[in-house]
N, C-alpha and C. Protein backbone atom coordinates (compact mmCIF):
# COMPACT_ATOMS: atom_id res chain seq x y z
N MET A 1 3.47 -20.02 4.58
CA MET A 1 2.96 -18.99 5.48
C MET A 1 4.07 -18.02 5.83
N LEU A 2 3.73 -16.75 5.93
CA LEU A 2 4.69 -15.73 6.33
C LEU A 2 4.56 -15.46 7.81
N PHE A 3 5.68 -15.25 8.43
CA PHE A 3 5.71 -14.96 9.86
C PHE A 3 5.97 -13.48 10.05
N PRO A 4 5.43 -12.91 11.14
CA PRO A 4 5.70 -11.49 11.39
C PRO A 4 7.19 -11.19 11.33
N ASP A 5 7.48 -10.05 10.78
CA ASP A 5 8.82 -9.53 10.60
C ASP A 5 9.59 -10.19 9.46
N SER A 6 8.97 -11.13 8.73
CA SER A 6 9.66 -11.65 7.55
C SER A 6 9.50 -10.62 6.44
N ALA A 7 10.55 -10.45 5.66
CA ALA A 7 10.56 -9.39 4.65
C ALA A 7 10.58 -9.99 3.25
N ILE A 8 9.98 -9.26 2.32
CA ILE A 8 10.00 -9.60 0.91
C ILE A 8 10.64 -8.42 0.20
N GLN A 9 11.66 -8.68 -0.60
CA GLN A 9 12.35 -7.61 -1.32
C GLN A 9 12.08 -7.74 -2.80
N LEU A 10 11.47 -6.73 -3.38
CA LEU A 10 11.21 -6.67 -4.82
C LEU A 10 11.91 -5.42 -5.36
N PRO A 11 12.12 -5.34 -6.68
CA PRO A 11 12.80 -4.15 -7.22
C PRO A 11 12.09 -2.84 -6.87
N ALA A 12 10.76 -2.84 -6.89
CA ALA A 12 10.01 -1.60 -6.68
C ALA A 12 9.72 -1.29 -5.22
N ALA A 13 9.80 -2.30 -4.34
CA ALA A 13 9.44 -2.07 -2.94
C ALA A 13 9.90 -3.23 -2.07
N SER A 14 10.01 -2.94 -0.79
CA SER A 14 10.19 -4.01 0.20
C SER A 14 8.88 -4.09 0.99
N LEU A 15 8.54 -5.31 1.41
CA LEU A 15 7.29 -5.54 2.12
C LEU A 15 7.58 -6.35 3.37
N GLN A 16 6.77 -6.11 4.38
CA GLN A 16 6.95 -6.80 5.65
C GLN A 16 5.62 -6.88 6.38
N LEU A 17 5.38 -8.00 7.00
CA LEU A 17 4.27 -8.14 7.93
C LEU A 17 4.89 -8.01 9.31
N ASP A 18 4.60 -6.91 10.02
CA ASP A 18 5.27 -6.68 11.29
C ASP A 18 4.60 -7.43 12.43
N ALA A 19 5.17 -7.34 13.60
CA ALA A 19 4.68 -8.09 14.77
C ALA A 19 3.26 -7.69 15.17
N GLU A 20 2.82 -6.48 14.77
CA GLU A 20 1.46 -6.04 15.06
C GLU A 20 0.50 -6.38 13.92
N LEU A 21 0.99 -7.18 12.97
CA LEU A 21 0.22 -7.63 11.80
C LEU A 21 -0.17 -6.49 10.88
N ILE A 22 0.64 -5.45 10.86
CA ILE A 22 0.47 -4.35 9.92
C ILE A 22 1.34 -4.67 8.71
N VAL A 23 0.74 -4.56 7.54
CA VAL A 23 1.48 -4.78 6.30
C VAL A 23 2.23 -3.48 5.98
N ARG A 24 3.55 -3.58 5.90
CA ARG A 24 4.37 -2.42 5.59
C ARG A 24 4.91 -2.57 4.17
N VAL A 25 4.67 -1.57 3.37
CA VAL A 25 5.24 -1.54 2.02
C VAL A 25 6.03 -0.26 1.88
N THR A 26 7.31 -0.41 1.55
CA THR A 26 8.21 0.73 1.40
C THR A 26 8.68 0.76 -0.04
N TRP A 27 8.14 1.73 -0.77
CA TRP A 27 8.48 1.86 -2.18
C TRP A 27 9.89 2.42 -2.34
N THR A 28 10.60 1.94 -3.36
CA THR A 28 11.94 2.44 -3.67
C THR A 28 11.82 3.50 -4.77
N SER A 29 12.95 4.08 -5.14
CA SER A 29 12.97 5.07 -6.22
C SER A 29 13.15 4.39 -7.58
N HIS A 30 13.10 3.07 -7.59
CA HIS A 30 13.23 2.29 -8.82
C HIS A 30 12.13 2.69 -9.81
N ARG A 31 12.50 2.94 -11.04
CA ARG A 31 11.51 3.25 -12.08
C ARG A 31 10.94 1.93 -12.58
N TYR A 32 9.89 1.51 -11.90
CA TYR A 32 9.33 0.18 -12.12
C TYR A 32 8.53 0.07 -13.41
N GLN A 33 8.47 -1.15 -13.89
CA GLN A 33 7.62 -1.51 -15.02
C GLN A 33 6.24 -1.87 -14.47
N PRO A 34 5.21 -1.85 -15.31
CA PRO A 34 3.87 -2.21 -14.84
C PRO A 34 3.82 -3.56 -14.10
N ALA A 35 4.54 -4.54 -14.61
CA ALA A 35 4.53 -5.86 -13.96
C ALA A 35 5.14 -5.78 -12.56
N GLU A 36 6.13 -4.92 -12.37
CA GLU A 36 6.76 -4.78 -11.05
C GLU A 36 5.82 -4.09 -10.07
N PHE A 37 5.09 -3.08 -10.54
CA PHE A 37 4.10 -2.41 -9.70
C PHE A 37 3.04 -3.41 -9.26
N ARG A 38 2.53 -4.17 -10.21
CA ARG A 38 1.50 -5.16 -9.91
C ARG A 38 2.02 -6.23 -8.96
N ALA A 39 3.27 -6.63 -9.13
CA ALA A 39 3.86 -7.65 -8.25
C ALA A 39 3.88 -7.17 -6.80
N VAL A 40 4.18 -5.90 -6.59
CA VAL A 40 4.17 -5.35 -5.23
C VAL A 40 2.76 -5.45 -4.64
N LEU A 41 1.76 -5.00 -5.39
CA LEU A 41 0.40 -5.01 -4.86
C LEU A 41 -0.12 -6.43 -4.66
N GLU A 42 0.30 -7.37 -5.49
CA GLU A 42 -0.10 -8.76 -5.28
C GLU A 42 0.51 -9.30 -3.97
N GLN A 43 1.72 -8.87 -3.66
CA GLN A 43 2.34 -9.27 -2.39
C GLN A 43 1.64 -8.58 -1.21
N VAL A 44 1.21 -7.33 -1.39
CA VAL A 44 0.43 -6.66 -0.34
C VAL A 44 -0.83 -7.46 -0.07
N LEU A 45 -1.51 -7.89 -1.10
CA LEU A 45 -2.73 -8.70 -0.93
C LEU A 45 -2.41 -10.00 -0.22
N ARG A 46 -1.35 -10.63 -0.60
CA ARG A 46 -0.93 -11.88 0.08
C ARG A 46 -0.70 -11.66 1.58
N LEU A 47 -0.05 -10.55 1.91
CA LEU A 47 0.20 -10.24 3.32
C LEU A 47 -1.08 -9.86 4.05
N LEU A 48 -1.99 -9.16 3.38
CA LEU A 48 -3.29 -8.86 3.99
C LEU A 48 -4.03 -10.16 4.32
N LEU A 49 -3.99 -11.10 3.40
CA LEU A 49 -4.64 -12.39 3.64
C LEU A 49 -4.00 -13.10 4.84
N ALA A 50 -2.68 -13.04 4.93
CA ALA A 50 -1.96 -13.71 6.02
C ALA A 50 -2.21 -13.05 7.37
N SER A 51 -2.36 -11.72 7.37
CA SER A 51 -2.47 -11.00 8.64
C SER A 51 -3.89 -10.95 9.18
N GLY A 52 -4.86 -10.77 8.28
CA GLY A 52 -6.23 -10.60 8.72
C GLY A 52 -6.51 -9.26 9.37
N SER A 53 -5.53 -8.36 9.37
CA SER A 53 -5.71 -7.07 10.07
C SER A 53 -6.36 -6.01 9.19
N GLY A 54 -6.18 -6.09 7.88
CA GLY A 54 -6.73 -5.07 6.98
C GLY A 54 -5.97 -3.75 7.01
N LYS A 55 -4.77 -3.74 7.60
CA LYS A 55 -4.03 -2.49 7.80
C LYS A 55 -2.73 -2.46 6.99
N VAL A 56 -2.50 -1.31 6.33
CA VAL A 56 -1.31 -1.14 5.51
C VAL A 56 -0.64 0.19 5.85
N LEU A 57 0.66 0.14 6.03
CA LEU A 57 1.48 1.35 6.12
C LEU A 57 2.20 1.45 4.79
N ALA A 58 1.85 2.44 3.99
CA ALA A 58 2.43 2.63 2.66
C ALA A 58 3.41 3.79 2.70
N ASP A 59 4.69 3.45 2.69
CA ASP A 59 5.74 4.47 2.67
C ASP A 59 6.05 4.75 1.21
N GLN A 60 5.50 5.83 0.71
CA GLN A 60 5.65 6.20 -0.70
C GLN A 60 6.67 7.32 -0.90
N ARG A 61 7.45 7.62 0.12
CA ARG A 61 8.32 8.80 0.05
C ARG A 61 9.28 8.78 -1.14
N LEU A 62 9.71 7.60 -1.59
CA LEU A 62 10.62 7.51 -2.74
C LEU A 62 9.93 7.03 -4.00
N MET A 63 8.65 6.81 -3.92
CA MET A 63 7.88 6.22 -5.01
C MET A 63 7.83 7.12 -6.24
N MET A 64 7.90 6.48 -7.40
CA MET A 64 7.72 7.16 -8.68
C MET A 64 6.22 7.24 -8.98
N PRO A 65 5.80 8.12 -9.90
CA PRO A 65 4.37 8.24 -10.23
C PRO A 65 3.78 6.92 -10.75
N ILE A 66 2.52 6.70 -10.41
CA ILE A 66 1.80 5.52 -10.88
C ILE A 66 1.23 5.87 -12.26
N PRO A 67 1.61 5.13 -13.31
CA PRO A 67 1.07 5.43 -14.64
C PRO A 67 -0.44 5.23 -14.67
N PRO A 68 -1.16 6.00 -15.50
CA PRO A 68 -2.62 5.87 -15.56
C PRO A 68 -3.14 4.44 -15.76
N PRO A 69 -2.54 3.62 -16.64
CA PRO A 69 -3.08 2.25 -16.76
C PRO A 69 -2.97 1.45 -15.46
N GLU A 70 -1.91 1.70 -14.69
CA GLU A 70 -1.75 0.99 -13.42
C GLU A 70 -2.72 1.53 -12.37
N GLN A 71 -3.04 2.82 -12.44
CA GLN A 71 -4.06 3.37 -11.55
C GLN A 71 -5.40 2.68 -11.81
N GLU A 72 -5.73 2.50 -13.09
CA GLU A 72 -6.99 1.84 -13.44
C GLU A 72 -7.00 0.38 -12.97
N TRP A 73 -5.89 -0.31 -13.17
CA TRP A 73 -5.79 -1.70 -12.71
C TRP A 73 -5.97 -1.77 -11.19
N LEU A 74 -5.29 -0.87 -10.48
CA LEU A 74 -5.39 -0.83 -9.02
C LEU A 74 -6.85 -0.64 -8.59
N LEU A 75 -7.50 0.35 -9.18
CA LEU A 75 -8.88 0.68 -8.79
C LEU A 75 -9.90 -0.39 -9.17
N HIS A 76 -9.77 -0.95 -10.36
CA HIS A 76 -10.83 -1.81 -10.88
C HIS A 76 -10.57 -3.30 -10.75
N GLU A 77 -9.31 -3.68 -10.57
CA GLU A 77 -9.00 -5.10 -10.44
C GLU A 77 -8.44 -5.45 -9.07
N TRP A 78 -7.38 -4.75 -8.66
CA TRP A 78 -6.74 -5.11 -7.40
C TRP A 78 -7.58 -4.72 -6.18
N LEU A 79 -8.04 -3.49 -6.14
CA LEU A 79 -8.76 -3.01 -4.95
C LEU A 79 -9.99 -3.85 -4.62
N PRO A 80 -10.84 -4.20 -5.57
CA PRO A 80 -11.98 -5.05 -5.20
C PRO A 80 -11.56 -6.39 -4.57
N ARG A 81 -10.47 -6.97 -5.08
CA ARG A 81 -9.98 -8.22 -4.48
C ARG A 81 -9.41 -7.99 -3.09
N ALA A 82 -8.69 -6.86 -2.93
CA ALA A 82 -8.11 -6.56 -1.62
C ALA A 82 -9.19 -6.33 -0.57
N LEU A 83 -10.27 -5.67 -0.97
CA LEU A 83 -11.38 -5.43 -0.04
C LEU A 83 -12.11 -6.73 0.28
N ARG A 84 -12.44 -7.48 -0.75
CA ARG A 84 -13.24 -8.69 -0.58
C ARG A 84 -12.43 -9.83 0.05
N ASP A 85 -11.28 -10.11 -0.50
CA ASP A 85 -10.51 -11.28 -0.07
C ASP A 85 -9.53 -10.97 1.05
N GLY A 86 -8.94 -9.79 1.00
CA GLY A 86 -7.90 -9.45 1.97
C GLY A 86 -8.37 -8.65 3.16
N GLY A 87 -9.64 -8.22 3.16
CA GLY A 87 -10.13 -7.44 4.29
C GLY A 87 -9.46 -6.09 4.43
N TYR A 88 -8.98 -5.53 3.32
CA TYR A 88 -8.29 -4.25 3.33
C TYR A 88 -9.22 -3.16 3.85
N ARG A 89 -8.80 -2.46 4.92
CA ARG A 89 -9.65 -1.44 5.53
C ARG A 89 -8.97 -0.11 5.78
N TYR A 90 -7.68 -0.13 6.14
CA TYR A 90 -7.01 1.11 6.55
C TYR A 90 -5.63 1.22 5.91
N ALA A 91 -5.34 2.42 5.40
CA ALA A 91 -4.02 2.70 4.83
C ALA A 91 -3.49 4.00 5.39
N ALA A 92 -2.36 3.91 6.06
CA ALA A 92 -1.63 5.10 6.50
C ALA A 92 -0.54 5.33 5.45
N VAL A 93 -0.52 6.52 4.88
CA VAL A 93 0.36 6.81 3.76
C VAL A 93 1.38 7.87 4.15
N LEU A 94 2.64 7.57 3.87
CA LEU A 94 3.70 8.57 3.95
C LEU A 94 3.94 9.00 2.51
N PRO A 95 3.47 10.19 2.11
CA PRO A 95 3.44 10.57 0.69
C PRO A 95 4.81 10.76 0.07
N SER A 96 4.83 10.57 -1.24
CA SER A 96 6.06 10.72 -2.02
C SER A 96 6.58 12.15 -1.97
N HIS A 97 7.90 12.26 -2.07
CA HIS A 97 8.53 13.58 -2.20
C HIS A 97 8.35 14.11 -3.61
N GLU A 98 8.03 13.23 -4.55
CA GLU A 98 7.87 13.56 -5.97
C GLU A 98 6.43 14.01 -6.22
N VAL A 99 6.26 15.22 -6.71
CA VAL A 99 4.93 15.83 -6.80
C VAL A 99 3.98 15.02 -7.69
N PHE A 100 4.45 14.49 -8.81
CA PHE A 100 3.55 13.73 -9.69
C PHE A 100 3.16 12.39 -9.07
N ALA A 101 4.02 11.81 -8.28
CA ALA A 101 3.67 10.58 -7.57
C ALA A 101 2.61 10.88 -6.51
N ARG A 102 2.76 12.01 -5.81
CA ARG A 102 1.75 12.41 -4.82
C ARG A 102 0.40 12.63 -5.48
N LEU A 103 0.40 13.31 -6.62
CA LEU A 103 -0.84 13.56 -7.34
C LEU A 103 -1.50 12.26 -7.80
N ALA A 104 -0.71 11.32 -8.30
CA ALA A 104 -1.27 10.04 -8.76
C ALA A 104 -1.87 9.28 -7.59
N SER A 105 -1.19 9.25 -6.47
CA SER A 105 -1.69 8.54 -5.29
C SER A 105 -2.97 9.19 -4.78
N THR A 106 -3.00 10.51 -4.74
CA THR A 106 -4.19 11.23 -4.30
C THR A 106 -5.35 10.98 -5.26
N ASN A 107 -5.05 10.97 -6.54
CA ASN A 107 -6.07 10.71 -7.55
C ASN A 107 -6.71 9.34 -7.33
N VAL A 108 -5.91 8.34 -7.08
CA VAL A 108 -6.43 7.00 -6.84
C VAL A 108 -7.33 7.00 -5.60
N SER A 109 -6.86 7.56 -4.51
CA SER A 109 -7.65 7.52 -3.27
C SER A 109 -8.96 8.29 -3.40
N MET A 110 -8.96 9.36 -4.18
CA MET A 110 -10.18 10.16 -4.34
C MET A 110 -11.21 9.47 -5.24
N ARG A 111 -10.76 8.52 -6.04
CA ARG A 111 -11.67 7.82 -6.94
C ARG A 111 -12.27 6.56 -6.33
N VAL A 112 -11.86 6.21 -5.13
CA VAL A 112 -12.43 5.05 -4.45
C VAL A 112 -13.85 5.40 -4.03
N MET A 113 -14.80 4.60 -4.47
CA MET A 113 -16.22 4.88 -4.21
C MET A 113 -16.81 3.93 -3.17
N THR A 114 -15.99 3.42 -2.29
CA THR A 114 -16.45 2.53 -1.22
C THR A 114 -16.05 3.14 0.12
N PRO A 115 -16.73 2.74 1.20
CA PRO A 115 -16.35 3.30 2.50
C PRO A 115 -14.94 2.90 2.93
N TYR A 116 -14.46 1.80 2.41
CA TYR A 116 -13.10 1.33 2.72
C TYR A 116 -12.34 1.15 1.43
N PRO A 117 -11.04 1.28 1.48
CA PRO A 117 -10.22 1.56 2.65
C PRO A 117 -10.26 3.03 3.03
N VAL A 118 -10.01 3.28 4.29
CA VAL A 118 -9.87 4.63 4.80
C VAL A 118 -8.39 5.00 4.64
N TYR A 119 -8.14 6.09 3.93
CA TYR A 119 -6.78 6.56 3.72
C TYR A 119 -6.52 7.76 4.61
N ARG A 120 -5.31 7.78 5.20
CA ARG A 120 -4.84 8.97 5.93
C ARG A 120 -3.40 9.21 5.60
N TRP A 121 -3.03 10.47 5.45
CA TRP A 121 -1.67 10.84 5.11
C TRP A 121 -0.97 11.38 6.34
N PHE A 122 0.31 11.04 6.45
CA PHE A 122 1.10 11.43 7.63
C PHE A 122 2.47 11.94 7.20
N ASP A 123 3.05 12.79 8.06
CA ASP A 123 4.39 13.31 7.82
C ASP A 123 5.48 12.40 8.38
N ASN A 124 5.09 11.53 9.32
CA ASN A 124 6.10 10.66 9.93
C ASN A 124 5.51 9.29 10.24
N GLU A 125 6.39 8.32 10.29
CA GLU A 125 5.99 6.93 10.49
C GLU A 125 5.36 6.70 11.86
N GLY A 126 5.86 7.36 12.89
CA GLY A 126 5.32 7.17 14.24
C GLY A 126 3.84 7.52 14.32
N SER A 127 3.46 8.66 13.76
CA SER A 127 2.05 9.05 13.77
C SER A 127 1.20 8.11 12.94
N ALA A 128 1.75 7.65 11.82
CA ALA A 128 1.01 6.73 10.96
C ALA A 128 0.75 5.40 11.68
N LEU A 129 1.76 4.89 12.35
CA LEU A 129 1.58 3.63 13.08
C LEU A 129 0.63 3.78 14.25
N GLU A 130 0.70 4.90 14.93
CA GLU A 130 -0.22 5.14 16.05
C GLU A 130 -1.66 5.13 15.57
N TRP A 131 -1.92 5.78 14.45
CA TRP A 131 -3.27 5.79 13.89
C TRP A 131 -3.71 4.39 13.50
N LEU A 132 -2.83 3.64 12.85
CA LEU A 132 -3.20 2.27 12.48
C LEU A 132 -3.49 1.40 13.70
N ARG A 133 -2.74 1.57 14.75
CA ARG A 133 -2.97 0.79 15.98
C ARG A 133 -4.34 1.07 16.58
N GLN A 134 -4.84 2.29 16.39
CA GLN A 134 -6.15 2.66 16.96
C GLN A 134 -7.33 2.16 16.14
N GLN A 135 -7.06 1.67 14.95
CA GLN A 135 -8.15 1.21 14.07
C GLN A 135 -8.52 -0.24 14.38
């Protein structure tokens, strides 16, 4: 079992379940391989299961673009499990500084055909956390 504020460090991102049970994922500028991208999202799902909150703060400011095959995997394999098993409902996103990464992330969110998760983009972490706390 993971305890709040315990951190997981992977090459592509660091993850944390904070004291408010918000899953925080902070992507690095590491040019990840598909397996590394998937490993991050599998850990996000694990933390969603542990928290029961359904809330994610995704700091993508340093994130590299998501390759199309990984976008498809996210949408068709990971997301249904995250919704069904992890109770994934809300994502506050701090968008990447890299334009193609921003476009890939936006593309994924626009292709979600379910009412959840609700995505919102923010310029700063404080506003993103405030929104998540209200959900």
